[in-house]
Amino acid sequence: MHDRKDVPSSLDGTGETIIAQGTQIQGDLGGASDVRLEGTLQGNIMVEGTVFIGEAGRVIGDISAGSIIVEGDVHGNIESAGKVHLGAAAKLKGNISSRGLSVQDGAWFEGRISDAKAETEPLREPMVQYQEVPVLQ
């Protein structure tokens, strides 16, 4: 039996799924590995790893992943337990929910942004407001 250290990452089930430029897929994509998309996907992506949408990549659907890097086109909502990065050539029409967001100059975005951390943290006690009381002299 082989120890996991002896198995190349591309063969141990934790490698990267690559969808090449010119490839068109209709349907959902899910799993634990990272995904690099240079083709077109009509469907949702739900992975635990990182999703990278290359400049030639196009997604028509929602993306949920550990982290998301967009250099191409996405028409759908994206949700990340980690960070989202929109590169200079990115075009995103959809909402973003993440713990961090970086946007390079030139990226195009239409949608709303929400902080995934705020959504998962318990509500804080409401702030107590004090009224000014006149001082008696």
N, C-alpha and C. Protein backbone atom coordinates (compact mmCIF):
# COMPACT_ATOMS: atom_id res chain seq x y z
N MET A 1 0.84 -1.18 0.00
CA MET A 1 0.00 0.00 0.00
C MET A 1 0.89 1.24 0.00
N HIS A 2 0.50 2.22 -0.79
CA HIS A 2 1.28 3.45 -0.92
C HIS A 2 0.86 4.46 0.13
N ASP A 3 1.84 5.16 0.67
CA ASP A 3 1.58 6.29 1.54
C ASP A 3 1.19 7.47 0.66
N ARG A 4 0.29 8.35 1.14
CA ARG A 4 -0.17 9.50 0.34
C ARG A 4 0.99 10.38 -0.11
N LYS A 5 2.09 10.42 0.66
CA LYS A 5 3.24 11.25 0.28
C LYS A 5 3.89 10.74 -1.00
N ASP A 6 3.73 9.43 -1.30
CA ASP A 6 4.35 8.84 -2.49
C ASP A 6 3.52 9.03 -3.74
N VAL A 7 2.25 9.45 -3.61
CA VAL A 7 1.35 9.55 -4.75
C VAL A 7 1.34 10.99 -5.26
N PRO A 8 1.58 11.19 -6.56
CA PRO A 8 1.52 12.56 -7.10
C PRO A 8 0.13 13.16 -6.87
N SER A 9 0.08 14.47 -6.60
CA SER A 9 -1.20 15.10 -6.28
C SER A 9 -2.23 14.91 -7.38
N SER A 10 -1.80 14.79 -8.63
CA SER A 10 -2.75 14.62 -9.71
C SER A 10 -3.40 13.25 -9.70
N LEU A 11 -2.86 12.30 -8.91
CA LEU A 11 -3.41 10.95 -8.86
C LEU A 11 -4.03 10.60 -7.51
N ASP A 12 -3.88 11.45 -6.51
CA ASP A 12 -4.38 11.10 -5.18
C ASP A 12 -5.78 11.63 -4.90
N GLY A 13 -6.45 12.17 -5.90
CA GLY A 13 -7.81 12.65 -5.70
C GLY A 13 -7.90 14.08 -5.22
N THR A 14 -6.77 14.74 -5.00
CA THR A 14 -6.80 16.13 -4.54
C THR A 14 -6.20 17.06 -5.59
N GLY A 15 -6.09 16.61 -6.82
CA GLY A 15 -5.49 17.41 -7.88
C GLY A 15 -6.44 18.48 -8.40
N GLU A 16 -6.15 18.94 -9.60
CA GLU A 16 -6.90 20.02 -10.21
C GLU A 16 -7.69 19.48 -11.40
N THR A 17 -8.96 19.86 -11.49
CA THR A 17 -9.78 19.54 -12.64
C THR A 17 -9.64 20.68 -13.63
N ILE A 18 -9.26 20.37 -14.87
CA ILE A 18 -9.05 21.39 -15.89
C ILE A 18 -10.06 21.21 -17.01
N ILE A 19 -10.76 22.29 -17.34
CA ILE A 19 -11.67 22.30 -18.47
C ILE A 19 -11.06 23.24 -19.49
N ALA A 20 -10.58 22.66 -20.57
CA ALA A 20 -9.77 23.39 -21.55
C ALA A 20 -10.60 24.36 -22.40
N GLN A 21 -9.90 25.35 -22.95
CA GLN A 21 -10.51 26.31 -23.84
C GLN A 21 -11.10 25.57 -25.03
N GLY A 22 -12.30 25.96 -25.45
CA GLY A 22 -12.98 25.30 -26.55
C GLY A 22 -13.93 24.19 -26.08
N THR A 23 -13.82 23.78 -24.82
CA THR A 23 -14.70 22.76 -24.26
C THR A 23 -15.97 23.41 -23.73
N GLN A 24 -17.11 22.80 -24.05
CA GLN A 24 -18.39 23.30 -23.56
C GLN A 24 -19.08 22.20 -22.76
N ILE A 25 -19.50 22.55 -21.55
CA ILE A 25 -20.15 21.59 -20.66
C ILE A 25 -21.49 22.16 -20.21
N GLN A 26 -22.51 21.30 -20.22
CA GLN A 26 -23.81 21.67 -19.67
C GLN A 26 -24.08 20.73 -18.50
N GLY A 27 -24.23 21.30 -17.31
CA GLY A 27 -24.47 20.51 -16.12
C GLY A 27 -23.65 21.03 -14.96
N ASP A 28 -23.93 20.50 -13.79
CA ASP A 28 -23.25 20.95 -12.57
C ASP A 28 -21.93 20.22 -12.38
N LEU A 29 -21.00 20.90 -11.73
CA LEU A 29 -19.68 20.35 -11.45
C LEU A 29 -19.45 20.44 -9.94
N GLY A 30 -19.10 19.33 -9.31
CA GLY A 30 -18.88 19.33 -7.87
C GLY A 30 -17.73 18.43 -7.48
N GLY A 31 -17.17 18.67 -6.30
CA GLY A 31 -16.09 17.83 -5.81
C GLY A 31 -15.25 18.54 -4.78
N ALA A 32 -14.13 17.90 -4.44
CA ALA A 32 -13.25 18.44 -3.41
C ALA A 32 -12.03 19.13 -4.01
N SER A 33 -11.71 18.86 -5.27
CA SER A 33 -10.47 19.38 -5.85
C SER A 33 -10.63 20.81 -6.35
N ASP A 34 -9.52 21.39 -6.78
CA ASP A 34 -9.52 22.71 -7.41
C ASP A 34 -10.04 22.55 -8.84
N VAL A 35 -10.58 23.64 -9.38
CA VAL A 35 -11.09 23.64 -10.75
C VAL A 35 -10.49 24.81 -11.50
N ARG A 36 -9.97 24.53 -12.68
CA ARG A 36 -9.47 25.57 -13.59
C ARG A 36 -10.33 25.49 -14.84
N LEU A 37 -11.06 26.57 -15.14
CA LEU A 37 -11.98 26.58 -16.26
C LEU A 37 -11.52 27.59 -17.30
N GLU A 38 -11.19 27.08 -18.47
CA GLU A 38 -10.81 27.93 -19.60
C GLU A 38 -11.86 27.83 -20.70
N GLY A 39 -12.79 26.88 -20.56
CA GLY A 39 -13.87 26.68 -21.51
C GLY A 39 -15.15 27.33 -21.03
N THR A 40 -16.30 26.74 -21.41
CA THR A 40 -17.61 27.28 -21.06
C THR A 40 -18.39 26.23 -20.27
N LEU A 41 -19.00 26.66 -19.20
CA LEU A 41 -19.83 25.78 -18.38
C LEU A 41 -21.18 26.44 -18.15
N GLN A 42 -22.25 25.75 -18.55
CA GLN A 42 -23.61 26.18 -18.24
C GLN A 42 -24.09 25.28 -17.12
N GLY A 43 -24.04 25.77 -15.91
CA GLY A 43 -24.40 24.98 -14.74
C GLY A 43 -23.71 25.57 -13.53
N ASN A 44 -23.86 24.92 -12.41
CA ASN A 44 -23.28 25.41 -11.16
C ASN A 44 -21.98 24.68 -10.83
N ILE A 45 -21.09 25.38 -10.16
CA ILE A 45 -19.84 24.79 -9.67
C ILE A 45 -19.89 24.81 -8.16
N MET A 46 -19.71 23.64 -7.53
CA MET A 46 -19.72 23.53 -6.07
C MET A 46 -18.53 22.66 -5.66
N VAL A 47 -17.43 23.31 -5.26
CA VAL A 47 -16.22 22.57 -4.86
C VAL A 47 -15.68 23.12 -3.55
N GLU A 48 -14.90 22.29 -2.89
CA GLU A 48 -14.29 22.71 -1.63
C GLU A 48 -13.01 23.49 -1.85
N GLY A 49 -12.36 23.28 -2.98
CA GLY A 49 -11.08 23.92 -3.26
C GLY A 49 -11.24 25.29 -3.89
N THR A 50 -10.27 25.62 -4.74
CA THR A 50 -10.25 26.91 -5.43
C THR A 50 -10.82 26.77 -6.83
N VAL A 51 -11.59 27.75 -7.25
CA VAL A 51 -12.08 27.81 -8.63
C VAL A 51 -11.36 28.96 -9.31
N PHE A 52 -10.73 28.67 -10.46
CA PHE A 52 -10.06 29.69 -11.26
C PHE A 52 -10.76 29.73 -12.61
N ILE A 53 -11.33 30.89 -12.95
CA ILE A 53 -11.96 31.10 -14.25
C ILE A 53 -10.99 31.92 -15.08
N GLY A 54 -10.37 31.29 -16.09
CA GLY A 54 -9.39 31.97 -16.93
C GLY A 54 -10.03 33.00 -17.84
N GLU A 55 -9.21 33.80 -18.52
CA GLU A 55 -9.72 34.87 -19.39
C GLU A 55 -10.65 34.35 -20.47
N ALA A 56 -10.41 33.14 -20.96
CA ALA A 56 -11.27 32.55 -21.99
C ALA A 56 -12.46 31.80 -21.36
N GLY A 57 -12.47 31.68 -20.04
CA GLY A 57 -13.50 30.93 -19.34
C GLY A 57 -14.81 31.70 -19.22
N ARG A 58 -15.90 30.93 -19.22
CA ARG A 58 -17.24 31.52 -19.10
C ARG A 58 -18.11 30.57 -18.31
N VAL A 59 -18.77 31.11 -17.28
CA VAL A 59 -19.70 30.32 -16.46
C VAL A 59 -21.05 31.02 -16.47
N ILE A 60 -22.08 30.24 -16.79
CA ILE A 60 -23.45 30.72 -16.68
C ILE A 60 -24.08 29.85 -15.60
N GLY A 61 -24.00 30.32 -14.37
CA GLY A 61 -24.47 29.57 -13.22
C GLY A 61 -23.79 30.07 -11.97
N ASP A 62 -24.14 29.51 -10.85
CA ASP A 62 -23.59 29.92 -9.57
C ASP A 62 -22.31 29.15 -9.25
N ILE A 63 -21.42 29.80 -8.48
CA ILE A 63 -20.16 29.18 -8.06
C ILE A 63 -20.08 29.24 -6.55
N SER A 64 -19.79 28.11 -5.92
CA SER A 64 -19.57 28.03 -4.49
C SER A 64 -18.27 27.26 -4.27
N ALA A 65 -17.29 27.90 -3.59
CA ALA A 65 -15.98 27.27 -3.45
C ALA A 65 -15.24 27.86 -2.25
N GLY A 66 -14.12 27.21 -1.90
CA GLY A 66 -13.28 27.71 -0.82
C GLY A 66 -12.72 29.08 -1.14
N SER A 67 -12.24 29.27 -2.37
CA SER A 67 -11.81 30.58 -2.86
C SER A 67 -12.08 30.62 -4.36
N ILE A 68 -12.24 31.83 -4.89
CA ILE A 68 -12.63 31.99 -6.29
C ILE A 68 -11.80 33.10 -6.91
N ILE A 69 -11.22 32.80 -8.07
CA ILE A 69 -10.45 33.78 -8.84
C ILE A 69 -11.11 33.86 -10.22
N VAL A 70 -11.54 35.07 -10.59
CA VAL A 70 -12.23 35.26 -11.87
C VAL A 70 -11.38 36.17 -12.75
N GLU A 71 -11.00 35.65 -13.89
CA GLU A 71 -10.32 36.44 -14.92
C GLU A 71 -11.20 36.52 -16.17
N GLY A 72 -12.23 35.68 -16.27
CA GLY A 72 -13.12 35.62 -17.43
C GLY A 72 -14.51 36.14 -17.10
N ASP A 73 -15.54 35.49 -17.68
CA ASP A 73 -16.93 35.93 -17.54
C ASP A 73 -17.71 34.99 -16.64
N VAL A 74 -18.47 35.56 -15.72
CA VAL A 74 -19.37 34.79 -14.87
C VAL A 74 -20.71 35.51 -14.84
N HIS A 75 -21.77 34.76 -15.15
CA HIS A 75 -23.13 35.28 -15.06
C HIS A 75 -23.86 34.42 -14.03
N GLY A 76 -23.74 34.80 -12.77
CA GLY A 76 -24.33 34.05 -11.67
C GLY A 76 -23.74 34.52 -10.36
N ASN A 77 -24.27 34.03 -9.27
CA ASN A 77 -23.81 34.41 -7.94
C ASN A 77 -22.59 33.60 -7.56
N ILE A 78 -21.69 34.22 -6.78
CA ILE A 78 -20.53 33.49 -6.28
C ILE A 78 -20.47 33.61 -4.77
N GLU A 79 -20.15 32.47 -4.14
CA GLU A 79 -20.08 32.39 -2.69
C GLU A 79 -18.81 31.66 -2.31
N SER A 80 -18.02 32.29 -1.43
CA SER A 80 -16.75 31.72 -1.04
C SER A 80 -16.59 31.76 0.47
N ALA A 81 -16.12 30.65 1.04
CA ALA A 81 -15.80 30.61 2.46
C ALA A 81 -14.52 31.40 2.72
N GLY A 82 -13.74 31.65 1.66
CA GLY A 82 -12.51 32.42 1.76
C GLY A 82 -12.62 33.72 1.01
N LYS A 83 -11.68 33.91 0.07
CA LYS A 83 -11.62 35.17 -0.66
C LYS A 83 -12.07 35.02 -2.11
N VAL A 84 -12.50 36.14 -2.67
CA VAL A 84 -12.84 36.25 -4.09
C VAL A 84 -11.93 37.31 -4.69
N HIS A 85 -11.36 37.00 -5.85
CA HIS A 85 -10.50 37.95 -6.56
C HIS A 85 -11.06 38.13 -7.97
N LEU A 86 -11.30 39.38 -8.35
CA LEU A 86 -11.71 39.71 -9.71
C LEU A 86 -10.53 40.34 -10.42
N GLY A 87 -10.02 39.65 -11.44
CA GLY A 87 -8.87 40.15 -12.20
C GLY A 87 -9.27 41.27 -13.14
N ALA A 88 -8.30 41.87 -13.78
CA ALA A 88 -8.51 43.03 -14.65
C ALA A 88 -9.45 42.75 -15.81
N ALA A 89 -9.50 41.51 -16.31
CA ALA A 89 -10.35 41.17 -17.44
C ALA A 89 -11.68 40.55 -17.01
N ALA A 90 -11.94 40.47 -15.70
CA ALA A 90 -13.14 39.81 -15.19
C ALA A 90 -14.40 40.60 -15.51
N LYS A 91 -15.47 39.83 -15.80
CA LYS A 91 -16.80 40.39 -15.99
C LYS A 91 -17.74 39.52 -15.18
N LEU A 92 -18.34 40.11 -14.13
CA LEU A 92 -19.22 39.36 -13.25
C LEU A 92 -20.56 40.06 -13.14
N LYS A 93 -21.62 39.33 -13.47
CA LYS A 93 -22.98 39.82 -13.26
C LYS A 93 -23.63 38.86 -12.27
N GLY A 94 -23.65 39.26 -11.01
CA GLY A 94 -24.19 38.42 -9.94
C GLY A 94 -23.72 38.92 -8.60
N ASN A 95 -24.24 38.35 -7.56
CA ASN A 95 -23.90 38.76 -6.20
C ASN A 95 -22.68 37.99 -5.69
N ILE A 96 -21.94 38.64 -4.78
CA ILE A 96 -20.76 38.04 -4.17
C ILE A 96 -20.98 37.93 -2.67
N SER A 97 -20.72 36.74 -2.13
CA SER A 97 -20.71 36.54 -0.68
C SER A 97 -19.38 35.88 -0.35
N SER A 98 -18.54 36.58 0.43
CA SER A 98 -17.21 36.05 0.73
C SER A 98 -16.67 36.69 2.00
N ARG A 99 -15.54 36.17 2.45
CA ARG A 99 -14.87 36.73 3.63
C ARG A 99 -13.85 37.79 3.24
N GLY A 100 -13.61 37.94 1.95
CA GLY A 100 -12.67 38.94 1.46
C GLY A 100 -12.86 39.12 -0.03
N LEU A 101 -12.58 40.31 -0.51
CA LEU A 101 -12.75 40.61 -1.93
C LEU A 101 -11.64 41.53 -2.39
N SER A 102 -11.02 41.19 -3.53
CA SER A 102 -10.07 42.10 -4.17
C SER A 102 -10.49 42.26 -5.62
N VAL A 103 -10.41 43.49 -6.10
CA VAL A 103 -10.84 43.81 -7.46
C VAL A 103 -9.74 44.60 -8.14
N GLN A 104 -9.24 44.08 -9.26
CA GLN A 104 -8.21 44.79 -10.01
C GLN A 104 -8.85 45.83 -10.91
N ASP A 105 -8.09 46.88 -11.19
CA ASP A 105 -8.53 47.93 -12.09
C ASP A 105 -8.86 47.32 -13.45
N GLY A 106 -10.03 47.63 -13.98
CA GLY A 106 -10.47 47.10 -15.27
C GLY A 106 -11.55 46.05 -15.15
N ALA A 107 -11.71 45.46 -13.98
CA ALA A 107 -12.75 44.45 -13.77
C ALA A 107 -14.13 45.11 -13.84
N TRP A 108 -15.11 44.35 -14.34
CA TRP A 108 -16.48 44.84 -14.44
C TRP A 108 -17.36 43.98 -13.54
N PHE A 109 -18.19 44.63 -12.72
CA PHE A 109 -19.01 43.91 -11.76
C PHE A 109 -20.37 44.58 -11.62
N GLU A 110 -21.43 43.78 -11.69
CA GLU A 110 -22.78 44.29 -11.44
C GLU A 110 -23.46 43.33 -10.47
N GLY A 111 -23.77 43.82 -9.27
CA GLY A 111 -24.39 42.98 -8.27
C GLY A 111 -24.19 43.54 -6.89
N ARG A 112 -24.44 42.70 -5.89
CA ARG A 112 -24.30 43.11 -4.50
C ARG A 112 -23.18 42.31 -3.85
N ILE A 113 -22.61 42.90 -2.81
CA ILE A 113 -21.53 42.25 -2.06
C ILE A 113 -22.00 42.08 -0.62
N SER A 114 -21.80 40.88 -0.07
CA SER A 114 -22.09 40.67 1.35
C SER A 114 -20.91 39.94 1.98
N ASP A 115 -20.76 40.16 3.27
CA ASP A 115 -19.66 39.57 4.02
C ASP A 115 -20.11 38.23 4.59
N ALA A 116 -19.52 37.14 4.09
CA ALA A 116 -19.88 35.80 4.55
C ALA A 116 -19.58 35.63 6.03
N LYS A 117 -18.56 36.32 6.54
CA LYS A 117 -18.21 36.23 7.95
C LYS A 117 -19.33 36.79 8.82
N ALA A 118 -19.89 37.92 8.41
CA ALA A 118 -20.98 38.54 9.16
C ALA A 118 -22.21 37.65 9.17
N GLU A 119 -22.43 36.89 8.11
CA GLU A 119 -23.59 36.02 8.02
C GLU A 119 -23.45 34.80 8.93
N THR A 120 -22.22 34.40 9.25
CA THR A 120 -22.01 33.21 10.06
C THR A 120 -21.74 33.50 11.53
N GLU A 121 -21.43 34.75 11.86
CA GLU A 121 -21.17 35.11 13.24
C GLU A 121 -22.48 35.32 13.98
N PRO A 122 -22.52 34.99 15.29
CA PRO A 122 -23.74 35.25 16.05
C PRO A 122 -24.00 36.74 16.15
N LEU A 123 -25.25 37.08 16.26
CA LEU A 123 -25.60 38.49 16.38
C LEU A 123 -25.06 39.06 17.68
N ARG A 124 -24.57 40.27 17.60
CA ARG A 124 -24.06 40.94 18.78
C ARG A 124 -25.21 41.60 19.52
N GLU A 125 -24.99 41.85 20.80
CA GLU A 125 -25.99 42.55 21.59
C GLU A 125 -26.19 43.94 20.99
N PRO A 126 -27.41 44.43 20.98
CA PRO A 126 -27.63 45.77 20.44
C PRO A 126 -26.90 46.81 21.27
N MET A 127 -26.45 47.84 20.59
CA MET A 127 -25.73 48.91 21.26
C MET A 127 -26.71 49.71 22.13
N VAL A 128 -26.32 49.96 23.34
CA VAL A 128 -27.16 50.74 24.25
C VAL A 128 -26.91 52.21 23.98
N GLN A 129 -27.98 52.96 23.83
CA GLN A 129 -27.84 54.39 23.60
C GLN A 129 -28.19 55.14 24.89
N TYR A 130 -27.38 56.10 25.24
CA TYR A 130 -27.58 56.89 26.45
C TYR A 130 -28.09 58.27 26.07
N GLN A 131 -28.94 58.77 26.91
CA GLN A 131 -29.44 60.11 26.69
C GLN A 131 -28.65 61.08 27.54
N GLU A 132 -28.54 62.30 27.06
CA GLU A 132 -27.86 63.33 27.81
C GLU A 132 -28.78 63.82 28.93
N VAL A 133 -28.25 63.86 30.12
CA VAL A 133 -29.05 64.31 31.26
C VAL A 133 -28.51 65.66 31.71
N PRO A 134 -29.38 66.61 31.95
CA PRO A 134 -28.89 67.92 32.40
C PRO A 134 -28.21 67.81 33.76
N VAL A 135 -27.15 68.55 33.94
CA VAL A 135 -26.40 68.56 35.19
C VAL A 135 -27.01 69.64 36.08
N LEU A 136 -27.37 69.24 37.30
CA LEU A 136 -27.92 70.19 38.25
C LEU A 136 -26.80 70.93 38.97
N GLN A 137 -26.92 72.21 39.10
CA GLN A 137 -25.89 72.99 39.78
C GLN A 137 -26.42 73.69 40.98
